[in-house]
Protein backbone atom coordinates (compact mmCIF):
# COMPACT_ATOMS: atom_id res chain seq x y z
CA UNK A 1 18.00 79.45 7.31
CA UNK A 2 20.74 77.57 9.16
CA UNK A 3 24.12 76.78 7.58
CA UNK A 4 26.72 74.29 8.82
CA UNK A 5 30.35 75.07 7.92
CA UNK A 6 33.34 72.79 8.46
CA UNK A 7 36.82 74.30 8.67
CA UNK A 8 35.15 77.47 9.90
CA UNK A 9 38.23 78.90 11.62
CA UNK A 10 40.34 78.90 8.45
CA UNK A 11 40.51 81.66 5.88
CA UNK A 12 37.87 80.36 3.47
CA UNK A 13 35.64 78.94 6.20
CA UNK A 14 35.70 82.24 8.07
CA UNK A 15 34.85 84.12 4.87
CA UNK A 16 31.91 81.79 4.23
CA UNK A 17 30.71 82.27 7.81
CA UNK A 18 30.84 86.06 7.43
CA UNK A 19 28.98 85.93 4.10
CA UNK A 20 26.23 83.71 5.49
CA UNK A 21 25.88 85.84 8.61
CA UNK A 22 25.65 88.99 6.49
CA UNK A 23 22.72 87.34 4.71
CA UNK A 24 21.04 86.79 8.10
CA UNK A 25 21.60 83.03 8.26
CA UNK A 26 22.13 81.22 11.56
CA UNK A 27 25.30 79.16 11.76
CA UNK A 28 26.61 75.84 13.06
CA UNK A 29 30.40 76.17 12.93
CA UNK A 30 32.98 73.47 13.46
CA UNK A 31 36.75 73.29 13.21
CA UNK A 32 39.64 71.40 14.73
CA UNK A 33 40.81 74.59 16.48
CA UNK A 34 38.53 75.42 19.40
CA UNK A 35 40.36 78.70 19.99
CA UNK A 36 40.05 79.87 16.39
CA UNK A 37 36.43 78.78 16.29
CA UNK A 38 35.68 80.85 19.39
CA UNK A 39 37.19 83.97 17.87
CA UNK A 40 35.22 83.61 14.65
CA UNK A 41 31.95 82.93 16.48
CA UNK A 42 32.38 85.85 18.86
CA UNK A 43 33.12 88.25 16.03
CA UNK A 44 30.10 87.15 14.01
CA UNK A 45 27.74 87.45 16.96
CA UNK A 46 28.99 90.97 17.64
CA UNK A 47 28.80 92.12 14.01
CA UNK A 48 25.63 90.46 12.76
CA UNK A 49 23.54 89.33 15.71
CA UNK A 50 22.67 85.95 14.19
CA UNK A 51 22.60 82.75 16.20
CA UNK A 52 25.97 81.00 16.12
CA UNK A 53 26.41 77.46 17.43
CA UNK A 54 29.99 76.22 17.65
CA UNK A 55 31.66 72.92 18.47
CA UNK A 56 35.25 71.95 17.80
CA UNK A 57 35.54 68.62 16.02
CA UNK A 58 38.16 66.44 14.39
CA UNK A 59 36.14 65.32 11.39
CA UNK A 60 38.51 62.39 10.79
CA UNK A 61 37.31 60.94 14.11
CA UNK A 62 33.99 59.11 13.78
CA UNK A 63 33.16 59.50 17.47
CA UNK A 64 33.84 63.25 17.34
CA UNK A 65 31.48 63.61 14.38
CA UNK A 66 28.83 61.65 16.28
CA UNK A 67 29.23 64.11 19.15
CA UNK A 68 28.90 67.05 16.76
CA UNK A 69 25.64 65.68 15.34
CA UNK A 70 24.37 64.97 18.86
CA UNK A 71 25.19 68.57 19.83
CA UNK A 72 23.18 69.87 16.86
CA UNK A 73 20.25 67.62 17.70
CA UNK A 74 20.40 68.71 21.34
CA UNK A 75 20.21 72.34 20.24
CA UNK A 76 17.18 71.53 18.09
CA UNK A 77 18.95 72.56 14.89
CA UNK A 78 17.68 71.71 11.43
CA UNK A 79 19.97 72.54 8.55
CA UNK A 80 19.32 74.16 5.18
CA UNK A 81 22.89 74.16 3.87
CA UNK A 82 26.20 72.36 4.45
CA UNK A 83 29.48 73.95 3.36
CA UNK A 84 32.26 71.34 3.29
CA UNK A 85 35.25 73.67 3.57
CA UNK A 86 37.67 71.66 5.73
CA UNK A 87 40.50 70.27 3.61
CA UNK A 88 44.20 69.53 3.56
CA UNK A 89 46.92 70.33 1.02
CA UNK A 90 50.60 69.50 1.32
CA UNK A 91 53.04 70.47 -1.41
CA UNK A 92 55.77 68.23 -2.75
CA UNK A 93 56.45 65.13 -4.81
CA UNK A 94 55.09 61.73 -3.86
CA UNK A 95 58.43 60.40 -2.64
CA UNK A 96 59.30 63.62 -0.83
CA UNK A 97 56.55 63.08 1.73
CA UNK A 98 56.04 60.38 4.33
CA UNK A 99 53.06 58.17 3.70
CA UNK A 100 51.42 59.58 6.82
CA UNK A 101 51.28 63.01 5.15
CA UNK A 102 49.90 61.52 1.95
CA UNK A 103 47.21 59.44 3.62
CA UNK A 104 46.19 62.42 5.78
CA UNK A 105 45.16 64.28 2.63
CA UNK A 106 42.81 61.45 1.72
CA UNK A 107 41.46 61.07 5.27
CA UNK A 108 40.48 64.73 5.45
CA UNK A 109 39.54 65.60 1.88
CA UNK A 110 37.68 62.38 1.06
CA UNK A 111 36.80 60.16 4.02
CA UNK A 112 36.07 62.86 6.59
CA UNK A 113 34.19 65.06 4.12
CA UNK A 114 31.92 62.18 3.16
CA UNK A 115 31.41 61.25 6.80
CA UNK A 116 30.25 64.75 7.70
CA UNK A 117 28.01 64.95 4.63
CA UNK A 118 26.37 61.60 5.35
CA UNK A 119 25.66 62.55 8.96
CA UNK A 120 24.61 66.15 8.24
CA UNK A 121 21.94 64.95 5.83
CA UNK A 122 20.13 63.54 8.86
CA UNK A 123 19.81 67.11 10.15
CA UNK A 124 18.18 68.60 7.07
CA UNK A 125 14.86 70.35 7.42
CA UNK A 126 11.96 68.09 6.49
CA UNK A 127 9.98 70.68 4.54
CA UNK A 128 12.68 72.62 2.68
CA UNK A 129 15.40 72.34 0.08
CA UNK A 130 18.84 71.30 1.31
CA UNK A 131 22.01 72.64 -0.29
CA UNK A 132 25.46 71.04 -0.15
CA UNK A 133 28.70 72.67 -1.27
CA UNK A 134 31.91 70.69 -1.69
CA UNK A 135 35.09 72.76 -1.91
CA UNK A 136 36.94 71.04 -4.72
CA UNK A 137 39.64 72.86 -6.70
CA UNK A 138 40.76 73.91 -10.15
CA UNK A 139 43.35 71.17 -9.55
CA UNK A 140 40.52 68.65 -9.94
CA UNK A 141 40.30 69.43 -13.65
CA UNK A 142 43.55 67.74 -14.70
CA UNK A 143 46.41 65.53 -13.41
CA UNK A 144 48.92 67.53 -11.35
CA UNK A 145 52.43 66.17 -10.84
CA UNK A 146 53.93 67.39 -7.51
CA UNK A 147 50.38 67.78 -6.15
CA UNK A 148 49.16 64.39 -7.34
CA UNK A 149 47.37 63.18 -4.20
CA UNK A 150 45.75 66.54 -3.49
CA UNK A 151 44.52 66.95 -7.09
CA UNK A 152 43.18 63.39 -7.16
CA UNK A 153 41.32 63.92 -3.87
CA UNK A 154 39.70 67.06 -5.27
CA UNK A 155 38.82 65.21 -8.47
CA UNK A 156 37.01 62.68 -6.31
CA UNK A 157 35.00 65.48 -4.69
CA UNK A 158 34.10 66.97 -8.08
CA UNK A 159 32.86 63.67 -9.50
CA UNK A 160 31.17 62.68 -6.24
CA UNK A 161 29.41 66.05 -6.06
CA UNK A 162 27.95 65.72 -9.56
CA UNK A 163 26.88 62.13 -8.96
CA UNK A 164 25.40 62.81 -5.52
CA UNK A 165 23.47 65.80 -6.84
CA UNK A 166 21.80 63.60 -9.44
CA UNK A 167 21.16 60.83 -6.91
CA UNK A 168 19.51 63.13 -4.34
CA UNK A 169 17.59 65.33 -6.77
CA UNK A 170 14.28 63.70 -5.86
CA UNK A 171 15.11 64.20 -2.16
CA UNK A 172 15.04 67.99 -2.70
CA UNK A 173 18.82 68.21 -2.26
CA UNK A 174 21.07 70.25 -4.56
CA UNK A 175 24.85 69.87 -4.67
CA UNK A 176 27.47 72.33 -5.90
CA UNK A 177 31.19 71.71 -6.46
CA UNK A 178 33.29 74.84 -5.96
CA UNK A 179 36.51 74.66 -8.00
CA UNK A 180 38.64 77.74 -7.24
CA UNK A 181 42.19 78.49 -8.32
CA UNK A 182 44.50 80.22 -5.90
CA UNK A 183 43.04 81.81 -2.80
CA UNK A 184 44.96 83.89 -0.25
CA UNK A 185 43.84 81.92 2.80
CA UNK A 186 47.19 81.34 4.57
CA UNK A 187 50.74 82.67 4.44
CA UNK A 188 52.01 79.61 2.56
CA UNK A 189 49.20 80.00 0.01
CA UNK A 190 50.12 83.64 -0.52
CA UNK A 191 53.79 82.71 -1.00
CA UNK A 192 52.84 80.06 -3.56
CA UNK A 193 50.68 82.57 -5.45
CA UNK A 194 53.52 85.11 -5.50
CA UNK A 195 56.02 82.47 -6.65
CA UNK A 196 53.86 81.84 -9.75
CA UNK A 197 54.16 85.46 -10.84
CA UNK A 198 51.62 86.63 -13.43
CA UNK A 199 49.76 83.31 -13.62
CA UNK A 200 49.50 83.14 -9.86
CA UNK A 201 47.84 86.54 -9.76
CA UNK A 202 45.65 85.81 -12.79
CA UNK A 203 44.23 82.62 -11.27
CA UNK A 204 43.63 84.06 -7.79
CA UNK A 205 40.19 85.25 -6.71
CA UNK A 206 39.32 87.31 -3.63
CA UNK A 207 37.74 85.28 -0.84
CA UNK A 208 34.80 87.65 -0.55
CA UNK A 209 34.00 87.24 -4.26
CA UNK A 210 34.26 83.45 -4.09
CA UNK A 211 32.03 83.11 -1.04
CA UNK A 212 29.39 85.57 -2.21
CA UNK A 213 29.01 83.99 -5.63
CA UNK A 214 29.22 80.44 -4.31
CA UNK A 215 26.30 80.94 -1.93
CA UNK A 216 24.28 82.65 -4.65
CA UNK A 217 24.93 79.86 -7.15
CA UNK A 218 24.23 77.13 -4.58
CA UNK A 219 20.85 78.68 -3.78
CA UNK A 220 20.05 78.77 -7.51
CA UNK A 221 20.83 75.06 -7.82
CA UNK A 222 24.00 75.33 -9.89
CA UNK A 223 26.19 72.20 -10.10
CA UNK A 224 29.77 73.46 -10.65
CA UNK A 225 31.35 76.87 -10.07
CA UNK A 226 34.83 77.81 -11.30
CA UNK A 227 35.62 81.36 -10.11
CA UNK A 228 37.45 83.67 -12.52
CA UNK A 229 37.56 83.85 -16.31
CA UNK A 230 41.16 82.57 -16.56
CA UNK A 231 40.37 79.60 -14.32
CA UNK A 232 37.27 78.81 -16.37
CA UNK A 233 39.40 78.80 -19.51
CA UNK A 234 41.91 76.45 -17.87
CA UNK A 235 39.10 74.13 -16.81
CA UNK A 236 37.90 73.95 -20.42
CA UNK A 237 41.41 73.32 -21.73
CA UNK A 238 41.77 70.55 -19.17
CA UNK A 239 38.91 68.75 -20.89
CA UNK A 240 40.21 69.01 -24.46
CA UNK A 241 44.01 68.78 -24.09
CA UNK A 242 45.33 65.20 -23.72
CA UNK A 243 46.08 64.36 -20.05
CA UNK A 244 49.70 63.39 -20.76
CA UNK A 245 50.33 66.78 -22.36
CA UNK A 246 48.67 68.56 -19.45
CA UNK A 247 50.73 66.60 -16.94
CA UNK A 248 53.94 67.56 -18.75
CA UNK A 249 53.03 71.26 -18.75
CA UNK A 250 51.92 71.23 -15.13
CA UNK A 251 55.09 69.44 -14.02
CA UNK A 252 57.26 72.03 -15.75
CA UNK A 253 55.34 74.88 -14.13
CA UNK A 254 55.24 73.47 -10.59
CA UNK A 255 58.87 72.40 -10.69
CA UNK A 256 59.76 76.04 -11.28
CA UNK A 257 57.41 77.25 -8.55
CA UNK A 258 58.73 74.83 -5.97
CA UNK A 259 62.32 75.87 -6.68
CA UNK A 260 61.32 79.45 -5.86
CA UNK A 261 59.63 78.31 -2.64
CA UNK A 262 62.58 76.18 -1.50
């Protein structure tokens, strides 16, 4: 089995790479950071002995993605799974950010993710089942003032994932949307979790748990995975509580959090 992972040098991408390697899967890893990608690949080869193919790529650049696919074809790779991990999140209100920052979220989380998925499907193995995972977010479950663009981009991935899974069912392709709460992937993420106090800790799930269960659920053909009991409860409440009420509550909470982070 061969798995392609975008954003493989980041915290979640690296955790997914380690989990897949521990299962004996070969890897095609890509990330914007060539240096970080090299460190991850070297460590996995040393620890697990699986085949690791690596190529740095700016997935917002169409030509770079073409080169990535050409590299995979040149290596004779055929994929069994695609993990769309690469994503972008920038805190702050809509008017507090330049439009370049706002549009970058959409370019990475939506446009680039769809570009990679569309091209990677050409690499799937002809005689096997192909699995796709989109890393969405708990934020996709409801409107989020102060994270409005990010939450909307993740909502797009959730809805797209469900729709694409139905569309490609007859093509032997299964699609899973991963919708985690907080994850300690970077220093700024850890600070944000700590600033939320009890609720930050209650909605945070260990990376190893998320990656292990995500791969297992993807292989079983599950459609949506929300890690953690508290997060699952919030996702249900997001469906039954009126959106305006949710937005009011979320705004109050994140206003307090951002004051602590300032």
